[in-house]
Amino acid sequence: MNNKKEFLLALITAPQSESYRIAQELLNHHLAACVNIVPVKSIYFWKGKLESEPEDLLIIKTRAELFDPLKELVKSIHPYEVPEIIAVAIKTGNEEYLNWILENTT
């Protein structure tokens, strides 16, 4: 049924106080079919300084063609100066699940 549509896992980190709101906006705009929110401890360099913060990792199931609008929406509401917004292609999966992603995104 998915007619060779391309699917993605988009990955976004966010402050734990903001992750639910970001996920809800993505779902409300039908840019995601599902968002998992996983608490993580991030260690990274920012402006030359080693930082360490608790964050949430948002794992977003979507279609490849929706990545640009997804990215723009996240950038417009995310509190970070440079939010992490990356994607990994889904090469294969449960056909029924992929169809469900297709049916729940616009």
N, C-alpha and C. Protein backbone atom coordinates (compact mmCIF):
# COMPACT_ATOMS: atom_id res chain seq x y z
N MET A 1 0.81 -1.21 0.00
CA MET A 1 0.00 0.00 0.00
C MET A 1 0.84 1.26 0.00
N ASN A 2 2.06 1.25 0.58
CA ASN A 2 2.81 2.50 0.72
C ASN A 2 3.43 2.98 -0.59
N ASN A 3 3.30 2.20 -1.67
CA ASN A 3 3.75 2.63 -3.00
C ASN A 3 5.17 3.19 -3.02
N LYS A 4 6.07 2.53 -2.31
CA LYS A 4 7.49 2.89 -2.30
C LYS A 4 7.75 4.29 -1.72
N LYS A 5 6.92 4.73 -0.81
CA LYS A 5 7.18 5.99 -0.11
C LYS A 5 8.43 5.82 0.74
N GLU A 6 9.14 6.90 0.95
CA GLU A 6 10.32 6.86 1.81
C GLU A 6 9.96 7.37 3.20
N PHE A 7 10.47 6.66 4.20
CA PHE A 7 10.17 6.98 5.59
C PHE A 7 11.45 7.32 6.34
N LEU A 8 11.30 8.10 7.41
CA LEU A 8 12.45 8.55 8.21
C LEU A 8 12.18 8.37 9.69
N LEU A 9 13.28 8.24 10.43
CA LEU A 9 13.29 8.49 11.86
C LEU A 9 13.98 9.84 12.01
N ALA A 10 13.26 10.83 12.45
CA ALA A 10 13.88 12.11 12.75
C ALA A 10 14.24 12.08 14.24
N LEU A 11 15.40 12.62 14.55
CA LEU A 11 15.91 12.63 15.93
C LEU A 11 16.13 14.07 16.36
N ILE A 12 15.55 14.42 17.49
CA ILE A 12 15.66 15.78 18.02
C ILE A 12 15.91 15.67 19.52
N THR A 13 16.87 16.43 20.02
CA THR A 13 17.03 16.53 21.47
C THR A 13 16.42 17.86 21.90
N ALA A 14 15.91 17.85 23.12
CA ALA A 14 15.25 19.05 23.65
C ALA A 14 15.32 19.04 25.17
N PRO A 15 15.18 20.22 25.78
CA PRO A 15 15.07 20.23 27.24
C PRO A 15 13.85 19.42 27.67
N GLN A 16 13.97 18.74 28.78
CA GLN A 16 12.87 17.90 29.24
C GLN A 16 11.60 18.71 29.46
N SER A 17 11.73 19.98 29.75
CA SER A 17 10.56 20.83 29.97
C SER A 17 9.83 21.19 28.67
N GLU A 18 10.47 20.96 27.52
CA GLU A 18 9.90 21.36 26.23
C GLU A 18 9.56 20.19 25.31
N SER A 19 10.03 19.01 25.60
CA SER A 19 9.92 17.90 24.65
C SER A 19 8.47 17.52 24.35
N TYR A 20 7.62 17.48 25.34
CA TYR A 20 6.23 17.10 25.11
C TYR A 20 5.54 18.12 24.21
N ARG A 21 5.80 19.39 24.43
CA ARG A 21 5.18 20.44 23.62
C ARG A 21 5.63 20.32 22.16
N ILE A 22 6.91 20.07 21.94
CA ILE A 22 7.42 19.90 20.58
C ILE A 22 6.77 18.69 19.92
N ALA A 23 6.70 17.58 20.63
CA ALA A 23 6.08 16.37 20.09
C ALA A 23 4.61 16.63 19.75
N GLN A 24 3.91 17.29 20.63
CA GLN A 24 2.50 17.57 20.41
C GLN A 24 2.29 18.46 19.17
N GLU A 25 3.15 19.44 18.97
CA GLU A 25 3.05 20.30 17.78
C GLU A 25 3.28 19.51 16.50
N LEU A 26 4.27 18.63 16.52
CA LEU A 26 4.52 17.79 15.34
C LEU A 26 3.32 16.91 15.02
N LEU A 27 2.71 16.35 16.04
CA LEU A 27 1.54 15.51 15.83
C LEU A 27 0.33 16.33 15.39
N ASN A 28 0.13 17.48 16.01
CA ASN A 28 -1.00 18.34 15.64
C ASN A 28 -0.92 18.81 14.19
N HIS A 29 0.30 18.99 13.68
CA HIS A 29 0.50 19.42 12.29
C HIS A 29 0.60 18.22 11.33
N HIS A 30 0.42 17.02 11.84
CA HIS A 30 0.48 15.78 11.05
C HIS A 30 1.81 15.61 10.32
N LEU A 31 2.88 16.12 10.96
CA LEU A 31 4.23 15.94 10.43
C LEU A 31 4.89 14.69 11.00
N ALA A 32 4.25 14.08 11.98
CA ALA A 32 4.73 12.85 12.60
C ALA A 32 3.54 11.95 12.86
N ALA A 33 3.77 10.65 12.73
CA ALA A 33 2.75 9.67 13.09
C ALA A 33 2.89 9.27 14.56
N CYS A 34 4.12 9.31 15.05
CA CYS A 34 4.41 8.89 16.42
C CYS A 34 5.69 9.57 16.87
N VAL A 35 5.74 9.93 18.14
CA VAL A 35 6.96 10.48 18.73
C VAL A 35 7.22 9.76 20.04
N ASN A 36 8.39 9.12 20.13
CA ASN A 36 8.83 8.54 21.40
C ASN A 36 9.70 9.58 22.10
N ILE A 37 9.51 9.72 23.39
CA ILE A 37 10.30 10.66 24.19
C ILE A 37 11.11 9.83 25.18
N VAL A 38 12.44 9.90 25.03
CA VAL A 38 13.34 9.08 25.83
C VAL A 38 14.29 10.00 26.60
N PRO A 39 14.34 9.90 27.92
CA PRO A 39 15.29 10.72 28.67
C PRO A 39 16.72 10.26 28.40
N VAL A 40 17.61 11.24 28.18
CA VAL A 40 19.02 10.95 27.92
C VAL A 40 19.89 11.95 28.68
N LYS A 41 21.15 11.64 28.81
CA LYS A 41 22.15 12.56 29.34
C LYS A 41 23.04 12.92 28.16
N SER A 42 23.06 14.18 27.76
CA SER A 42 23.85 14.61 26.61
C SER A 42 25.13 15.28 27.08
N ILE A 43 26.22 14.92 26.44
CA ILE A 43 27.53 15.52 26.69
C ILE A 43 28.03 16.05 25.35
N TYR A 44 28.37 17.34 25.30
CA TYR A 44 28.67 17.97 24.02
C TYR A 44 29.51 19.23 24.22
N PHE A 45 30.13 19.68 23.15
CA PHE A 45 30.82 20.96 23.17
C PHE A 45 29.87 22.03 22.67
N TRP A 46 29.84 23.15 23.39
CA TRP A 46 29.05 24.30 22.96
C TRP A 46 29.87 25.55 23.23
N LYS A 47 30.19 26.25 22.15
CA LYS A 47 30.97 27.49 22.22
C LYS A 47 32.28 27.26 22.96
N GLY A 48 32.93 26.12 22.64
CA GLY A 48 34.26 25.82 23.16
C GLY A 48 34.28 25.24 24.56
N LYS A 49 33.11 25.00 25.14
CA LYS A 49 33.05 24.50 26.51
C LYS A 49 32.33 23.15 26.53
N LEU A 50 32.87 22.21 27.30
CA LEU A 50 32.22 20.92 27.46
C LEU A 50 31.00 21.08 28.36
N GLU A 51 29.86 20.66 27.86
CA GLU A 51 28.59 20.76 28.59
C GLU A 51 28.03 19.37 28.83
N SER A 52 27.18 19.25 29.84
CA SER A 52 26.50 18.01 30.15
C SER A 52 25.14 18.37 30.72
N GLU A 53 24.08 17.88 30.06
CA GLU A 53 22.72 18.23 30.47
C GLU A 53 21.79 17.03 30.33
N PRO A 54 20.82 16.92 31.22
CA PRO A 54 19.74 15.96 30.96
C PRO A 54 18.84 16.54 29.87
N GLU A 55 18.47 15.72 28.92
CA GLU A 55 17.58 16.14 27.84
C GLU A 55 16.63 14.99 27.54
N ASP A 56 15.72 15.25 26.62
CA ASP A 56 14.91 14.19 26.05
C ASP A 56 15.31 14.03 24.60
N LEU A 57 15.31 12.78 24.14
CA LEU A 57 15.50 12.47 22.73
C LEU A 57 14.13 12.16 22.15
N LEU A 58 13.73 12.91 21.15
CA LEU A 58 12.48 12.66 20.45
C LEU A 58 12.80 11.80 19.24
N ILE A 59 12.17 10.65 19.15
CA ILE A 59 12.32 9.75 18.01
C ILE A 59 11.01 9.83 17.24
N ILE A 60 11.09 10.41 16.06
CA ILE A 60 9.90 10.78 15.31
C ILE A 60 9.78 9.91 14.07
N LYS A 61 8.64 9.27 13.90
CA LYS A 61 8.37 8.48 12.70
C LYS A 61 7.59 9.34 11.72
N THR A 62 8.15 9.50 10.51
CA THR A 62 7.53 10.37 9.53
C THR A 62 7.90 9.92 8.12
N ARG A 63 7.46 10.70 7.14
CA ARG A 63 7.80 10.46 5.74
C ARG A 63 8.93 11.40 5.34
N ALA A 64 9.79 10.96 4.45
CA ALA A 64 10.94 11.76 4.02
C ALA A 64 10.49 13.11 3.45
N GLU A 65 9.42 13.12 2.71
CA GLU A 65 8.96 14.36 2.08
C GLU A 65 8.49 15.41 3.10
N LEU A 66 8.29 15.00 4.35
CA LEU A 66 7.85 15.94 5.39
C LEU A 66 9.01 16.47 6.24
N PHE A 67 10.24 16.05 5.94
CA PHE A 67 11.35 16.46 6.79
C PHE A 67 11.56 17.97 6.79
N ASP A 68 11.52 18.62 5.64
CA ASP A 68 11.76 20.07 5.61
C ASP A 68 10.71 20.85 6.42
N PRO A 69 9.40 20.60 6.23
CA PRO A 69 8.45 21.32 7.08
C PRO A 69 8.57 20.95 8.55
N LEU A 70 8.91 19.70 8.85
CA LEU A 70 9.14 19.28 10.23
C LEU A 70 10.29 20.09 10.83
N LYS A 71 11.39 20.17 10.09
CA LYS A 71 12.57 20.91 10.55
C LYS A 71 12.23 22.38 10.80
N GLU A 72 11.52 22.99 9.88
CA GLU A 72 11.17 24.41 10.02
C GLU A 72 10.26 24.65 11.21
N LEU A 73 9.30 23.78 11.43
CA LEU A 73 8.42 23.93 12.59
C LEU A 73 9.23 23.81 13.88
N VAL A 74 10.08 22.80 13.96
CA VAL A 74 10.88 22.61 15.18
C VAL A 74 11.77 23.82 15.42
N LYS A 75 12.44 24.31 14.37
CA LYS A 75 13.31 25.48 14.54
C LYS A 75 12.52 26.69 15.05
N SER A 76 11.26 26.81 14.66
CA SER A 76 10.46 27.98 15.06
C SER A 76 10.00 27.92 16.51
N ILE A 77 9.97 26.71 17.11
CA ILE A 77 9.47 26.59 18.48
C ILE A 77 10.50 26.08 19.47
N HIS A 78 11.63 25.61 18.99
CA HIS A 78 12.64 25.00 19.87
C HIS A 78 13.41 26.10 20.60
N PRO A 79 13.70 25.91 21.89
CA PRO A 79 14.39 26.96 22.64
C PRO A 79 15.89 27.07 22.37
N TYR A 80 16.51 26.06 21.74
CA TYR A 80 17.95 26.10 21.51
C TYR A 80 18.29 26.99 20.32
N GLU A 81 19.45 27.62 20.41
CA GLU A 81 19.97 28.43 19.31
C GLU A 81 20.21 27.56 18.07
N VAL A 82 20.76 26.37 18.29
CA VAL A 82 21.03 25.42 17.20
C VAL A 82 20.49 24.05 17.62
N PRO A 83 19.20 23.80 17.37
CA PRO A 83 18.65 22.50 17.78
C PRO A 83 19.16 21.36 16.92
N GLU A 84 19.32 20.21 17.55
CA GLU A 84 19.65 18.98 16.82
C GLU A 84 18.38 18.52 16.11
N ILE A 85 18.45 18.46 14.80
CA ILE A 85 17.34 17.95 13.98
C ILE A 85 18.00 17.14 12.86
N ILE A 86 18.03 15.83 13.03
CA ILE A 86 18.67 14.97 12.04
C ILE A 86 17.70 13.84 11.68
N ALA A 87 18.00 13.16 10.60
CA ALA A 87 17.12 12.07 10.19
C ALA A 87 17.92 10.89 9.68
N VAL A 88 17.34 9.72 9.86
CA VAL A 88 17.90 8.47 9.40
C VAL A 88 16.83 7.78 8.56
N ALA A 89 17.20 7.33 7.38
CA ALA A 89 16.24 6.66 6.50
C ALA A 89 15.83 5.31 7.08
N ILE A 90 14.57 5.01 6.97
CA ILE A 90 14.06 3.68 7.30
C ILE A 90 14.13 2.87 6.02
N LYS A 91 15.02 1.90 5.96
CA LYS A 91 15.22 1.11 4.76
C LYS A 91 14.13 0.06 4.57
N THR A 92 13.67 -0.51 5.67
CA THR A 92 12.65 -1.54 5.59
C THR A 92 11.92 -1.59 6.92
N GLY A 93 10.79 -2.25 6.94
CA GLY A 93 10.03 -2.35 8.17
C GLY A 93 8.75 -3.13 7.96
N ASN A 94 8.00 -3.27 9.02
CA ASN A 94 6.70 -3.91 8.98
C ASN A 94 5.80 -3.09 8.06
N GLU A 95 5.37 -3.68 6.96
CA GLU A 95 4.58 -2.98 5.95
C GLU A 95 3.33 -2.34 6.55
N GLU A 96 2.67 -3.03 7.47
CA GLU A 96 1.48 -2.46 8.10
C GLU A 96 1.82 -1.22 8.92
N TYR A 97 2.98 -1.24 9.58
CA TYR A 97 3.40 -0.07 10.36
C TYR A 97 3.75 1.10 9.44
N LEU A 98 4.46 0.81 8.37
CA LEU A 98 4.80 1.87 7.42
C LEU A 98 3.54 2.47 6.80
N ASN A 99 2.55 1.65 6.52
CA ASN A 99 1.27 2.16 6.02
C ASN A 99 0.58 3.03 7.06
N TRP A 100 0.71 2.64 8.33
CA TRP A 100 0.13 3.45 9.41
C TRP A 100 0.80 4.82 9.47
N ILE A 101 2.13 4.88 9.31
CA ILE A 101 2.82 6.18 9.26
C ILE A 101 2.25 7.00 8.11
N LEU A 102 2.12 6.39 6.97
CA LEU A 102 1.58 7.08 5.79
C LEU A 102 0.19 7.63 6.04
N GLU A 103 -0.66 6.84 6.66
CA GLU A 103 -2.04 7.25 6.93
C GLU A 103 -2.15 8.36 7.97
N ASN A 104 -1.14 8.51 8.81
CA ASN A 104 -1.22 9.46 9.92
C ASN A 104 -0.34 10.68 9.75
N THR A 105 0.15 10.89 8.55
CA THR A 105 0.92 12.10 8.23
C THR A 105 0.34 12.70 6.96
N THR A 106 0.52 14.02 6.80
CA THR A 106 -0.04 14.68 5.61
C THR A 106 1.05 15.27 4.76
